[in-house]
Amino acid sequence: MGKMTPRKKRHMRIRNNVLGTPEKPRMNIYRSSKNIYVQIIDDLSGHTLVAASSLDPAVKDSIEYGGNKEAAKLVGELAAERALEEGIKTVVFDRGGYKYHGRVKEVAEAAREKGLNF
């Protein structure tokens, strides 16, 4: 399998406890240096139910750079709006091995403000 990064190890520890079901899917965050991505996943069927990222036209047109807190906030709001449209009100939060700080925190708080429960 090769070497695992510390973040990957943390993520695997989190994933041992966090499982997304159809009733309560998992909200996963991936943070790259230039963008941020959010997926809402049903782990039992292995399907992504909702996705949003800083590359989405809805977000990309209103920001200059996708790797900052401003972009993260917009992505969180967009993900929550799309989830609510799909009838998803409650999720389990998967921070992807990242600290709950900065961009990850912005996504979570923006999604909560828009009405997602976790």
PDB file of N, CA and C in Angstrom:
ATOM      1  N   MET A   1       0.819  -1.201   0.000  1.00  0.00           N
ATOM      2  CA  MET A   1       0.000   0.000   0.000  1.00  0.00           C
ATOM      3  C   MET A   1       0.856   1.256   0.000  1.00  0.00           C
ATOM      4  N   GLY A   2       2.076   1.147   0.454  1.00  0.00           N
ATOM      5  CA  GLY A   2       2.949   2.318   0.466  1.00  0.00           C
ATOM      6  C   GLY A   2       2.781   3.141   1.724  1.00  0.00           C
ATOM      7  N   LYS A   3       3.508   4.228   1.762  1.00  0.00           N
ATOM      8  CA  LYS A   3       3.458   5.087   2.941  1.00  0.00           C
ATOM      9  C   LYS A   3       2.185   5.907   2.954  1.00  0.00           C
ATOM     10  N   MET A   4       1.620   6.068   4.143  1.00  0.00           N
ATOM     11  CA  MET A   4       0.439   6.913   4.293  1.00  0.00           C
ATOM     12  C   MET A   4       0.847   8.218   4.940  1.00  0.00           C
ATOM     13  N   THR A   5       0.287   9.291   4.439  1.00  0.00           N
ATOM     14  CA  THR A   5       0.575  10.593   5.036  1.00  0.00           C
ATOM     15  C   THR A   5      -0.124  10.678   6.392  1.00  0.00           C
ATOM     16  N   PRO A   6       0.358  11.519   7.284  1.00  0.00           N
ATOM     17  CA  PRO A   6      -0.323  11.690   8.573  1.00  0.00           C
ATOM     18  C   PRO A   6      -1.794  12.057   8.413  1.00  0.00           C
ATOM     19  N   ARG A   7      -2.125  12.894   7.420  1.00  0.00           N
ATOM     20  CA  ARG A   7      -3.523  13.258   7.203  1.00  0.00           C
ATOM     21  C   ARG A   7      -4.348  12.033   6.835  1.00  0.00           C
ATOM     22  N   LYS A   8      -3.816  11.182   5.959  1.00  0.00           N
ATOM     23  CA  LYS A   8      -4.528   9.969   5.547  1.00  0.00           C
ATOM     24  C   LYS A   8      -4.758   9.048   6.745  1.00  0.00           C
ATOM     25  N   LYS A   9      -3.763   8.957   7.629  1.00  0.00           N
ATOM     26  CA  LYS A   9      -3.908   8.122   8.829  1.00  0.00           C
ATOM     27  C   LYS A   9      -5.017   8.665   9.722  1.00  0.00           C
ATOM     28  N   ARG A  10      -5.030   9.992   9.905  1.00  0.00           N
ATOM     29  CA  ARG A  10      -6.084  10.606  10.723  1.00  0.00           C
ATOM     30  C   ARG A  10      -7.453  10.361  10.093  1.00  0.00           C
ATOM     31  N   HIS A  11      -7.503  10.504   8.760  1.00  0.00           N
ATOM     32  CA  HIS A  11      -8.769  10.301   8.070  1.00  0.00           C
ATOM     33  C   HIS A  11      -9.263   8.860   8.246  1.00  0.00           C
ATOM     34  N   MET A  12      -8.370   7.905   8.172  1.00  0.00           N
ATOM     35  CA  MET A  12      -8.763   6.505   8.343  1.00  0.00           C
ATOM     36  C   MET A  12      -9.285   6.265   9.760  1.00  0.00           C
ATOM     37  N   ARG A  13      -8.689   6.900  10.762  1.00  0.00           N
ATOM     38  CA  ARG A  13      -9.175   6.775  12.143  1.00  0.00           C
ATOM     39  C   ARG A  13     -10.588   7.344  12.260  1.00  0.00           C
ATOM     40  N   ILE A  14     -10.813   8.491  11.627  1.00  0.00           N
ATOM     41  CA  ILE A  14     -12.137   9.110  11.653  1.00  0.00           C
ATOM     42  C   ILE A  14     -13.146   8.195  10.947  1.00  0.00           C
ATOM     43  N   ARG A  15     -12.746   7.645   9.806  1.00  0.00           N
ATOM     44  CA  ARG A  15     -13.646   6.824   8.994  1.00  0.00           C
ATOM     45  C   ARG A  15     -14.033   5.518   9.685  1.00  0.00           C
ATOM     46  N   ASN A  16     -13.210   5.048  10.634  1.00  0.00           N
ATOM     47  CA  ASN A  16     -13.582   3.848  11.384  1.00  0.00           C
ATOM     48  C   ASN A  16     -14.818   4.095  12.240  1.00  0.00           C
ATOM     49  N   ASN A  17     -15.090   5.347  12.582  1.00  0.00           N
ATOM     50  CA  ASN A  17     -16.228   5.691  13.425  1.00  0.00           C
ATOM     51  C   ASN A  17     -17.362   6.367  12.668  1.00  0.00           C
ATOM     52  N   VAL A  18     -17.078   6.945  11.502  1.00  0.00           N
ATOM     53  CA  VAL A  18     -18.075   7.743  10.791  1.00  0.00           C
ATOM     54  C   VAL A  18     -18.544   6.984   9.558  1.00  0.00           C
ATOM     55  N   LEU A  19     -19.868   6.714   9.510  1.00  0.00           N
ATOM     56  CA  LEU A  19     -20.443   6.010   8.370  1.00  0.00           C
ATOM     57  C   LEU A  19     -21.666   6.775   7.895  1.00  0.00           C
ATOM     58  N   GLY A  20     -21.760   6.993   6.593  1.00  0.00           N
ATOM     59  CA  GLY A  20     -22.902   7.697   6.029  1.00  0.00           C
ATOM     60  C   GLY A  20     -23.976   6.715   5.592  1.00  0.00           C
ATOM     61  N   THR A  21     -25.185   6.898   6.083  1.00  0.00           N
ATOM     62  CA  THR A  21     -26.317   6.047   5.700  1.00  0.00           C
ATOM     63  C   THR A  21     -27.248   6.864   4.800  1.00  0.00           C
ATOM     64  N   PRO A  22     -28.231   6.220   4.153  1.00  0.00           N
ATOM     65  CA  PRO A  22     -29.161   7.012   3.335  1.00  0.00           C
ATOM     66  C   PRO A  22     -29.920   8.058   4.165  1.00  0.00           C
ATOM     67  N   GLU A  23     -30.232   7.730   5.446  1.00  0.00           N
ATOM     68  CA  GLU A  23     -30.961   8.670   6.298  1.00  0.00           C
ATOM     69  C   GLU A  23     -30.051   9.799   6.787  1.00  0.00           C
ATOM     70  N   LYS A  24     -28.789   9.466   7.032  1.00  0.00           N
ATOM     71  CA  LYS A  24     -27.842  10.438   7.576  1.00  0.00           C
ATOM     72  C   LYS A  24     -26.505  10.281   6.832  1.00  0.00           C
ATOM     73  N   PRO A  25     -26.386  10.867   5.629  1.00  0.00           N
ATOM     74  CA  PRO A  25     -25.167  10.690   4.838  1.00  0.00           C
ATOM     75  C   PRO A  25     -23.964  11.429   5.423  1.00  0.00           C
ATOM     76  N   ARG A  26     -22.792  11.084   4.909  1.00  0.00           N
ATOM     77  CA  ARG A  26     -21.537  11.649   5.401  1.00  0.00           C
ATOM     78  C   ARG A  26     -21.161  12.856   4.545  1.00  0.00           C
ATOM     79  N   MET A  27     -20.849  13.971   5.216  1.00  0.00           N
ATOM     80  CA  MET A  27     -20.396  15.176   4.522  1.00  0.00           C
ATOM     81  C   MET A  27     -18.877  15.215   4.595  1.00  0.00           C
ATOM     82  N   ASN A  28     -18.239  14.930   3.462  1.00  0.00           N
ATOM     83  CA  ASN A  28     -16.786  14.830   3.412  1.00  0.00           C
ATOM     84  C   ASN A  28     -16.182  16.085   2.807  1.00  0.00           C
ATOM     85  N   ILE A  29     -15.031  16.496   3.339  1.00  0.00           N
ATOM     86  CA  ILE A  29     -14.325  17.678   2.832  1.00  0.00           C
ATOM     87  C   ILE A  29     -12.962  17.265   2.320  1.00  0.00           C
ATOM     88  N   TYR A  30     -12.595  17.779   1.150  1.00  0.00           N
ATOM     89  CA  TYR A  30     -11.228  17.641   0.650  1.00  0.00           C
ATOM     90  C   TYR A  30     -10.716  19.041   0.368  1.00  0.00           C
ATOM     91  N   ARG A  31      -9.530  19.308   0.874  1.00  0.00           N
ATOM     92  CA  ARG A  31      -8.954  20.649   0.778  1.00  0.00           C
ATOM     93  C   ARG A  31      -7.639  20.541   0.022  1.00  0.00           C
ATOM     94  N   SER A  32      -7.564  21.147  -1.152  1.00  0.00           N
ATOM     95  CA  SER A  32      -6.273  21.214  -1.846  1.00  0.00           C
ATOM     96  C   SER A  32      -5.731  22.618  -1.639  1.00  0.00           C
ATOM     97  N   SER A  33      -4.558  22.893  -2.151  1.00  0.00           N
ATOM     98  CA  SER A  33      -3.972  24.213  -1.924  1.00  0.00           C
ATOM     99  C   SER A  33      -4.736  25.307  -2.674  1.00  0.00           C
ATOM    100  N   LYS A  34      -5.358  24.953  -3.805  1.00  0.00           N
ATOM    101  CA  LYS A  34      -6.019  25.977  -4.621  1.00  0.00           C
ATOM    102  C   LYS A  34      -7.542  25.924  -4.573  1.00  0.00           C
ATOM    103  N   ASN A  35      -8.126  24.825  -4.092  1.00  0.00           N
ATOM    104  CA  ASN A  35      -9.576  24.682  -4.091  1.00  0.00           C
ATOM    105  C   ASN A  35     -10.057  23.897  -2.880  1.00  0.00           C
ATOM    106  N   ILE A  36     -11.367  23.854  -2.690  1.00  0.00           N
ATOM    107  CA  ILE A  36     -11.971  23.056  -1.628  1.00  0.00           C
ATOM    108  C   ILE A  36     -13.188  22.352  -2.203  1.00  0.00           C
ATOM    109  N   TYR A  37     -13.390  21.101  -1.793  1.00  0.00           N
ATOM    110  CA  TYR A  37     -14.437  20.261  -2.348  1.00  0.00           C
ATOM    111  C   TYR A  37     -15.252  19.648  -1.213  1.00  0.00           C
ATOM    112  N   VAL A  38     -16.565  19.538  -1.403  1.00  0.00           N
ATOM    113  CA  VAL A  38     -17.454  18.921  -0.429  1.00  0.00           C
ATOM    114  C   VAL A  38     -18.303  17.895  -1.152  1.00  0.00           C
ATOM    115  N   GLN A  39     -18.424  16.703  -0.539  1.00  0.00           N
ATOM    116  CA  GLN A  39     -19.312  15.678  -1.079  1.00  0.00           C
ATOM    117  C   GLN A  39     -20.203  15.179   0.046  1.00  0.00           C
ATOM    118  N   ILE A  40     -21.441  14.884  -0.266  1.00  0.00           N
ATOM    119  CA  ILE A  40     -22.339  14.250   0.692  1.00  0.00           C
ATOM    120  C   ILE A  40     -22.595  12.846   0.156  1.00  0.00           C
ATOM    121  N   ILE A  41     -22.162  11.844   0.945  1.00  0.00           N
ATOM    122  CA  ILE A  41     -22.025  10.475   0.456  1.00  0.00           C
ATOM    123  C   ILE A  41     -22.876   9.502   1.263  1.00  0.00           C
ATOM    124  N   ASP A  42     -23.533   8.577   0.555  1.00  0.00           N
ATOM    125  CA  ASP A  42     -24.192   7.434   1.181  1.00  0.00           C
ATOM    126  C   ASP A  42     -23.204   6.274   1.074  1.00  0.00           C
ATOM    127  N   ASP A  43     -22.577   5.909   2.202  1.00  0.00           N
ATOM    128  CA  ASP A  43     -21.534   4.881   2.164  1.00  0.00           C
ATOM    129  C   ASP A  43     -22.088   3.475   1.938  1.00  0.00           C
ATOM    130  N   LEU A  44     -23.351   3.240   2.273  1.00  0.00           N
ATOM    131  CA  LEU A  44     -23.904   1.904   2.105  1.00  0.00           C
ATOM    132  C   LEU A  44     -24.042   1.547   0.626  1.00  0.00           C
ATOM    133  N   SER A  45     -24.452   2.516  -0.203  1.00  0.00           N
ATOM    134  CA  SER A  45     -24.554   2.251  -1.636  1.00  0.00           C
ATOM    135  C   SER A  45     -23.303   2.731  -2.382  1.00  0.00           C
ATOM    136  N   GLY A  46     -22.457   3.535  -1.696  1.00  0.00           N
ATOM    137  CA  GLY A  46     -21.242   4.027  -2.331  1.00  0.00           C
ATOM    138  C   GLY A  46     -21.496   5.141  -3.330  1.00  0.00           C
ATOM    139  N   HIS A  47     -22.592   5.879  -3.153  1.00  0.00           N
ATOM    140  CA  HIS A  47     -22.939   6.946  -4.095  1.00  0.00           C
ATOM    141  C   HIS A  47     -22.779   8.325  -3.480  1.00  0.00           C
ATOM    142  N   THR A  48     -22.303   9.253  -4.308  1.00  0.00           N
ATOM    143  CA  THR A  48     -22.280  10.656  -3.918  1.00  0.00           C
ATOM    144  C   THR A  48     -23.646  11.243  -4.224  1.00  0.00           C
ATOM    145  N   LEU A  49     -24.295  11.770  -3.199  1.00  0.00           N
ATOM    146  CA  LEU A  49     -25.638  12.309  -3.370  1.00  0.00           C
ATOM    147  C   LEU A  49     -25.604  13.769  -3.801  1.00  0.00           C
ATOM    148  N   VAL A  50     -24.652  14.527  -3.227  1.00  0.00           N
ATOM    149  CA  VAL A  50     -24.523  15.960  -3.507  1.00  0.00           C
ATOM    150  C   VAL A  50     -23.041  16.291  -3.547  1.00  0.00           C
ATOM    151  N   ALA A  51     -22.647  17.181  -4.447  1.00  0.00           N
ATOM    152  CA  ALA A  51     -21.256  17.635  -4.497  1.00  0.00           C
ATOM    153  C   ALA A  51     -21.227  19.130  -4.759  1.00  0.00           C
ATOM    154  N   ALA A  52     -20.212  19.779  -4.199  1.00  0.00           N
ATOM    155  CA  ALA A  52     -19.998  21.210  -4.443  1.00  0.00           C
ATOM    156  C   ALA A  52     -18.507  21.476  -4.300  1.00  0.00           C
ATOM    157  N   SER A  53     -18.011  22.423  -5.064  1.00  0.00           N
ATOM    158  CA  SER A  53     -16.598  22.774  -4.928  1.00  0.00           C
ATOM    159  C   SER A  53     -16.388  24.219  -5.345  1.00  0.00           C
ATOM    160  N   SER A  54     -15.184  24.707  -5.094  1.00  0.00           N
ATOM    161  CA  SER A  54     -14.867  26.081  -5.478  1.00  0.00           C
ATOM    162  C   SER A  54     -14.677  26.194  -6.994  1.00  0.00           C
ATOM    163  N   LEU A  55     -14.763  25.067  -7.713  1.00  0.00           N
ATOM    164  CA  LEU A  55     -14.682  25.092  -9.175  1.00  0.00           C
ATOM    165  C   LEU A  55     -16.069  25.169  -9.814  1.00  0.00           C
ATOM    166  N   ASP A  56     -17.128  25.025  -8.987  1.00  0.00           N
ATOM    167  CA  ASP A  56     -18.495  25.159  -9.495  1.00  0.00           C
ATOM    168  C   ASP A  56     -18.693  26.546 -10.082  1.00  0.00           C
ATOM    169  N   PRO A  57     -19.361  26.666 -11.241  1.00  0.00           N
ATOM    170  CA  PRO A  57     -19.590  27.994 -11.825  1.00  0.00           C
ATOM    171  C   PRO A  57     -20.272  28.967 -10.860  1.00  0.00           C
ATOM    172  N   ALA A  58     -21.179  28.436 -10.022  1.00  0.00           N
ATOM    173  CA  ALA A  58     -21.905  29.287  -9.068  1.00  0.00           C
ATOM    174  C   ALA A  58     -20.945  29.959  -8.080  1.00  0.00           C
ATOM    175  N   VAL A  59     -19.858  29.277  -7.748  1.00  0.00           N
ATOM    176  CA  VAL A  59     -18.888  29.816  -6.785  1.00  0.00           C
ATOM    177  C   VAL A  59     -17.743  30.521  -7.505  1.00  0.00           C
ATOM    178  N   LYS A  60     -17.258  29.879  -8.564  1.00  0.00           N
ATOM    179  CA  LYS A  60     -16.060  30.373  -9.266  1.00  0.00           C
ATOM    180  C   LYS A  60     -16.225  31.790  -9.805  1.00  0.00           C
ATOM    181  N   ASP A  61     -17.446  32.114 -10.258  1.00  0.00           N
ATOM    182  CA  ASP A  61     -17.684  33.432 -10.843  1.00  0.00           C
ATOM    183  C   ASP A  61     -17.664  34.550  -9.803  1.00  0.00           C
ATOM    184  N   SER A  62     -17.921  34.208  -8.530  1.00  0.00           N
ATOM    185  CA  SER A  62     -18.017  35.254  -7.512  1.00  0.00           C
ATOM    186  C   SER A  62     -16.766  35.375  -6.641  1.00  0.00           C
ATOM    187  N   ILE A  63     -15.714  34.609  -6.943  1.00  0.00           N
ATOM    188  CA  ILE A  63     -14.475  34.700  -6.157  1.00  0.00           C
ATOM    189  C   ILE A  63     -13.275  34.815  -7.092  1.00  0.00           C
ATOM    190  N   GLU A  64     -12.184  35.306  -6.538  1.00  0.00           N
ATOM    191  CA  GLU A  64     -10.949  35.386  -7.313  1.00  0.00           C
ATOM    192  C   GLU A  64     -10.121  34.118  -7.168  1.00  0.00           C
ATOM    193  N   TYR A  65     -10.135  33.530  -5.944  1.00  0.00           N
ATOM    194  CA  TYR A  65      -9.240  32.418  -5.621  1.00  0.00           C
ATOM    195  C   TYR A  65     -10.005  31.390  -4.805  1.00  0.00           C
ATOM    196  N   GLY A  66      -9.885  30.118  -5.172  1.00  0.00           N
ATOM    197  CA  GLY A  66     -10.667  29.071  -4.520  1.00  0.00           C
ATOM    198  C   GLY A  66     -10.076  28.508  -3.251  1.00  0.00           C
ATOM    199  N   GLY A  67      -8.872  28.922  -2.880  1.00  0.00           N
ATOM    200  CA  GLY A  67      -8.205  28.324  -1.725  1.00  0.00           C
ATOM    201  C   GLY A  67      -8.232  29.191  -0.489  1.00  0.00           C
ATOM    202  N   ASN A  68      -9.291  30.007  -0.306  1.00  0.00           N
ATOM    203  CA  ASN A  68      -9.336  30.843   0.888  1.00  0.00           C
ATOM    204  C   ASN A  68     -10.654  30.651   1.634  1.00  0.00           C
ATOM    205  N   LYS A  69     -10.777  31.311   2.793  1.00  0.00           N
ATOM    206  CA  LYS A  69     -11.950  31.129   3.642  1.00  0.00           C
ATOM    207  C   LYS A  69     -13.233  31.657   2.990  1.00  0.00           C
ATOM    208  N   GLU A  70     -13.097  32.710   2.209  1.00  0.00           N
ATOM    209  CA  GLU A  70     -14.264  33.277   1.510  1.00  0.00           C
ATOM    210  C   GLU A  70     -14.871  32.232   0.569  1.00  0.00           C
ATOM    211  N   ALA A  71     -14.011  31.556  -0.190  1.00  0.00           N
ATOM    212  CA  ALA A  71     -14.473  30.517  -1.118  1.00  0.00           C
ATOM    213  C   ALA A  71     -15.056  29.341  -0.339  1.00  0.00           C
ATOM    214  N   ALA A  72     -14.426  28.978   0.773  1.00  0.00           N
ATOM    215  CA  ALA A  72     -14.891  27.857   1.581  1.00  0.00           C
ATOM    216  C   ALA A  72     -16.304  28.113   2.098  1.00  0.00           C
ATOM    217  N   LYS A  73     -16.558  29.342   2.493  1.00  0.00           N
ATOM    218  CA  LYS A  73     -17.887  29.696   3.009  1.00  0.00           C
ATOM    219  C   LYS A  73     -18.944  29.524   1.915  1.00  0.00           C
ATOM    220  N   LEU A  74     -18.644  29.994   0.709  1.00  0.00           N
ATOM    221  CA  LEU A  74     -19.578  29.867  -0.411  1.00  0.00           C
ATOM    222  C   LEU A  74     -19.828  28.399  -0.772  1.00  0.00           C
ATOM    223  N   VAL A  75     -18.773  27.582  -0.707  1.00  0.00           N
ATOM    224  CA  VAL A  75     -18.909  26.155  -1.013  1.00  0.00           C
ATOM    225  C   VAL A  75     -19.799  25.478   0.029  1.00  0.00           C
ATOM    226  N   GLY A  76     -19.610  25.834   1.303  1.00  0.00           N
ATOM    227  CA  GLY A  76     -20.453  25.279   2.364  1.00  0.00           C
ATOM    228  C   GLY A  76     -21.916  25.626   2.170  1.00  0.00           C
ATOM    229  N   GLU A  77     -22.178  26.884   1.804  1.00  0.00           N
ATOM    230  CA  GLU A  77     -23.555  27.318   1.566  1.00  0.00           C
ATOM    231  C   GLU A  77     -24.164  26.574   0.373  1.00  0.00           C
ATOM    232  N   LEU A  78     -23.381  26.450  -0.709  1.00  0.00           N
ATOM    233  CA  LEU A  78     -23.864  25.766  -1.909  1.00  0.00           C
ATOM    234  C   LEU A  78     -24.162  24.298  -1.625  1.00  0.00           C
ATOM    235  N   ALA A  79     -23.278  23.632  -0.883  1.00  0.00           N
ATOM    236  CA  ALA A  79     -23.477  22.220  -0.545  1.00  0.00           C
ATOM    237  C   ALA A  79     -24.749  22.048   0.284  1.00  0.00           C
ATOM    238  N   ALA A  80     -24.972  22.945   1.242  1.00  0.00           N
ATOM    239  CA  ALA A  80     -26.163  22.859   2.092  1.00  0.00           C
ATOM    240  C   ALA A  80     -27.435  23.085   1.275  1.00  0.00           C
ATOM    241  N   GLU A  81     -27.406  24.072   0.379  1.00  0.00           N
ATOM    242  CA  GLU A  81     -28.574  24.341  -0.465  1.00  0.00           C
ATOM    243  C   GLU A  81     -28.924  23.118  -1.316  1.00  0.00           C
ATOM    244  N   ARG A  82     -27.891  22.521  -1.932  1.00  0.00           N
ATOM    245  CA  ARG A  82     -28.120  21.350  -2.786  1.00  0.00           C
ATOM    246  C   ARG A  82     -28.613  20.159  -1.965  1.00  0.00           C
ATOM    247  N   ALA A  83     -28.087  20.008  -0.755  1.00  0.00           N
ATOM    248  CA  ALA A  83     -28.514  18.902   0.111  1.00  0.00           C
ATOM    249  C   ALA A  83     -29.978  19.066   0.491  1.00  0.00           C
ATOM    250  N   LEU A  84     -30.359  20.280   0.858  1.00  0.00           N
ATOM    251  CA  LEU A  84     -31.747  20.524   1.256  1.00  0.00           C
ATOM    252  C   LEU A  84     -32.703  20.305   0.082  1.00  0.00           C
ATOM    253  N   GLU A  85     -32.250  20.650  -1.139  1.00  0.00           N
ATOM    254  CA  GLU A  85     -33.057  20.386  -2.337  1.00  0.00           C
ATOM    255  C   GLU A  85     -33.291  18.890  -2.527  1.00  0.00           C
ATOM    256  N   GLU A  86     -32.273  18.083  -2.173  1.00  0.00           N
ATOM    257  CA  GLU A  86     -32.371  16.624  -2.302  1.00  0.00           C
ATOM    258  C   GLU A  86     -33.122  16.002  -1.126  1.00  0.00           C
ATOM    259  N   GLY A  87     -33.528  16.832  -0.162  1.00  0.00           N
ATOM    260  CA  GLY A  87     -34.258  16.318   0.996  1.00  0.00           C
ATOM    261  C   GLY A  87     -33.358  15.842   2.116  1.00  0.00           C
ATOM    262  N   ILE A  88     -32.073  16.206   2.078  1.00  0.00           N
ATOM    263  CA  ILE A  88     -31.125  15.816   3.125  1.00  0.00           C
ATOM    264  C   ILE A  88     -31.070  16.951   4.151  1.00  0.00           C
ATOM    265  N   LYS A  89     -31.477  16.645   5.380  1.00  0.00           N
ATOM    266  CA  LYS A  89     -31.488  17.673   6.430  1.00  0.00           C
ATOM    267  C   LYS A  89     -30.393  17.441   7.468  1.00  0.00           C
ATOM    268  N   THR A  90     -30.007  16.168   7.662  1.00  0.00           N
ATOM    269  CA  THR A  90     -29.025  15.817   8.688  1.00  0.00           C
ATOM    270  C   THR A  90     -27.887  15.037   8.049  1.00  0.00           C
ATOM    271  N   VAL A  91     -26.659  15.376   8.415  1.00  0.00           N
ATOM    272  CA  VAL A  91     -25.478  14.676   7.910  1.00  0.00           C
ATOM    273  C   VAL A  91     -24.527  14.383   9.075  1.00  0.00           C
ATOM    274  N   VAL A  92     -23.573  13.482   8.840  1.00  0.00           N
ATOM    275  CA  VAL A  92     -22.466  13.327   9.779  1.00  0.00           C
ATOM    276  C   VAL A  92     -21.266  14.015   9.138  1.00  0.00           C
ATOM    277  N   PHE A  93     -20.507  14.746   9.923  1.00  0.00           N
ATOM    278  CA  PHE A  93     -19.419  15.564   9.398  1.00  0.00           C
ATOM    279  C   PHE A  93     -18.117  14.785   9.404  1.00  0.00           C
ATOM    280  N   ASP A  94     -17.450  14.759   8.253  1.00  0.00           N
ATOM    281  CA  ASP A  94     -16.157  14.086   8.097  1.00  0.00           C
ATOM    282  C   ASP A  94     -15.160  15.147   7.664  1.00  0.00           C
ATOM    283  N   ARG A  95     -14.282  15.544   8.591  1.00  0.00           N
ATOM    284  CA  ARG A  95     -13.354  16.633   8.286  1.00  0.00           C
ATOM    285  C   ARG A  95     -12.155  16.176   7.447  1.00  0.00           C
ATOM    286  N   GLY A  96     -12.116  14.920   7.075  1.00  0.00           N
ATOM    287  CA  GLY A  96     -11.108  14.427   6.136  1.00  0.00           C
ATOM    288  C   GLY A  96      -9.700  14.391   6.689  1.00  0.00           C
ATOM    289  N   GLY A  97      -9.545  14.345   8.007  1.00  0.00           N
ATOM    290  CA  GLY A  97      -8.212  14.319   8.607  1.00  0.00           C
ATOM    291  C   GLY A  97      -7.615  15.701   8.805  1.00  0.00           C
ATOM    292  N   TYR A  98      -8.349  16.729   8.413  1.00  0.00           N
ATOM    293  CA  TYR A  98      -7.871  18.102   8.593  1.00  0.00           C
ATOM    294  C   TYR A  98      -8.299  18.609   9.964  1.00  0.00           C
ATOM    295  N   LYS A  99      -7.588  19.599  10.499  1.00  0.00           N
ATOM    296  CA  LYS A  99      -8.011  20.241  11.729  1.00  0.00           C
ATOM    297  C   LYS A  99      -9.314  20.985  11.489  1.00  0.00           C
ATOM    298  N   TYR A 100     -10.174  21.026  12.509  1.00  0.00           N
ATOM    299  CA  TYR A 100     -11.413  21.808  12.414  1.00  0.00           C
ATOM    300  C   TYR A 100     -11.016  23.257  12.652  1.00  0.00           C
ATOM    301  N   HIS A 101     -10.557  23.898  11.592  1.00  0.00           N
ATOM    302  CA  HIS A 101      -9.951  25.215  11.706  1.00  0.00           C
ATOM    303  C   HIS A 101      -9.906  25.818  10.311  1.00  0.00           C
ATOM    304  N   GLY A 102      -9.978  27.125  10.222  1.00  0.00           N
ATOM    305  CA  GLY A 102      -9.799  27.787   8.930  1.00  0.00           C
ATOM    306  C   GLY A 102     -10.868  27.419   7.925  1.00  0.00           C
ATOM    307  N   ARG A 103     -10.431  26.922   6.753  1.00  0.00           N
ATOM    308  CA  ARG A 103     -11.361  26.647   5.651  1.00  0.00           C
ATOM    309  C   ARG A 103     -12.359  25.549   5.983  1.00  0.00           C
ATOM    310  N   VAL A 104     -11.910  24.512   6.703  1.00  0.00           N
ATOM    311  CA  VAL A 104     -12.801  23.412   7.067  1.00  0.00           C
ATOM    312  C   VAL A 104     -13.908  23.926   7.987  1.00  0.00           C
ATOM    313  N   LYS A 105     -13.537  24.776   8.932  1.00  0.00           N
ATOM    314  CA  LYS A 105     -14.501  25.359   9.871  1.00  0.00           C
ATOM    315  C   LYS A 105     -15.482  26.272   9.132  1.00  0.00           C
ATOM    316  N   GLU A 106     -14.996  27.033   8.170  1.00  0.00           N
ATOM    317  CA  GLU A 106     -15.861  27.932   7.386  1.00  0.00           C
ATOM    318  C   GLU A 106     -16.928  27.145   6.632  1.00  0.00           C
ATOM    319  N   VAL A 107     -16.530  26.024   6.015  1.00  0.00           N
ATOM    320  CA  VAL A 107     -17.485  25.185   5.283  1.00  0.00           C
ATOM    321  C   VAL A 107     -18.563  24.685   6.242  1.00  0.00           C
ATOM    322  N   ALA A 108     -18.139  24.166   7.395  1.00  0.00           N
ATOM    323  CA  ALA A 108     -19.078  23.587   8.358  1.00  0.00           C
ATOM    324  C   ALA A 108     -20.055  24.639   8.879  1.00  0.00           C
ATOM    325  N   GLU A 109     -19.542  25.800   9.260  1.00  0.00           N
ATOM    326  CA  GLU A 109     -20.399  26.836   9.835  1.00  0.00           C
ATOM    327  C   GLU A 109     -21.367  27.396   8.794  1.00  0.00           C
ATOM    328  N   ALA A 110     -20.903  27.554   7.549  1.00  0.00           N
ATOM    329  CA  ALA A 110     -21.776  28.056   6.482  1.00  0.00           C
ATOM    330  C   ALA A 110     -22.902  27.057   6.210  1.00  0.00           C
ATOM    331  N   ALA A 111     -22.573  25.761   6.220  1.00  0.00           N
ATOM    332  CA  ALA A 111     -23.589  24.734   5.976  1.00  0.00           C
ATOM    333  C   ALA A 111     -24.612  24.716   7.107  1.00  0.00           C
ATOM    334  N   ARG A 112     -24.146  24.884   8.335  1.00  0.00           N
ATOM    335  CA  ARG A 112     -25.064  24.921   9.485  1.00  0.00           C
ATOM    336  C   ARG A 112     -26.003  26.128   9.390  1.00  0.00           C
ATOM    337  N   GLU A 113     -25.446  27.268   8.998  1.00  0.00           N
ATOM    338  CA  GLU A 113     -26.262  28.487   8.894  1.00  0.00           C
ATOM    339  C   GLU A 113     -27.370  28.325   7.849  1.00  0.00           C
ATOM    340  N   LYS A 114     -27.081  27.575   6.785  1.00  0.00           N
ATOM    341  CA  LYS A 114     -28.061  27.372   5.720  1.00  0.00           C
ATOM    342  C   LYS A 114     -29.104  26.316   6.091  1.00  0.00           C
ATOM    343  N   GLY A 115     -28.919  25.639   7.238  1.00  0.00           N
ATOM    344  CA  GLY A 115     -29.969  24.737   7.697  1.00  0.00           C
ATOM    345  C   GLY A 115     -29.621  23.271   7.775  1.00  0.00           C
ATOM    346  N   LEU A 116     -28.374  22.872   7.473  1.00  0.00           N
ATOM    347  CA  LEU A 116     -27.982  21.468   7.626  1.00  0.00           C
ATOM    348  C   LEU A 116     -27.698  21.185   9.092  1.00  0.00           C
ATOM    349  N   ASN A 117     -28.112  20.025   9.572  1.00  0.00           N
ATOM    350  CA  ASN A 117     -27.866  19.652  10.968  1.00  0.00           C
ATOM    351  C   ASN A 117     -26.748  18.634  11.061  1.00  0.00           C
ATOM    352  N   PHE A 118     -25.744  18.919  11.895  1.00  0.00           N
ATOM    353  CA  PHE A 118     -24.699  17.938  12.237  1.00  0.00           C
ATOM    354  C   PHE A 118     -23.958  18.381  13.461  1.00  0.00           C
TER     355      PHE A 118
END
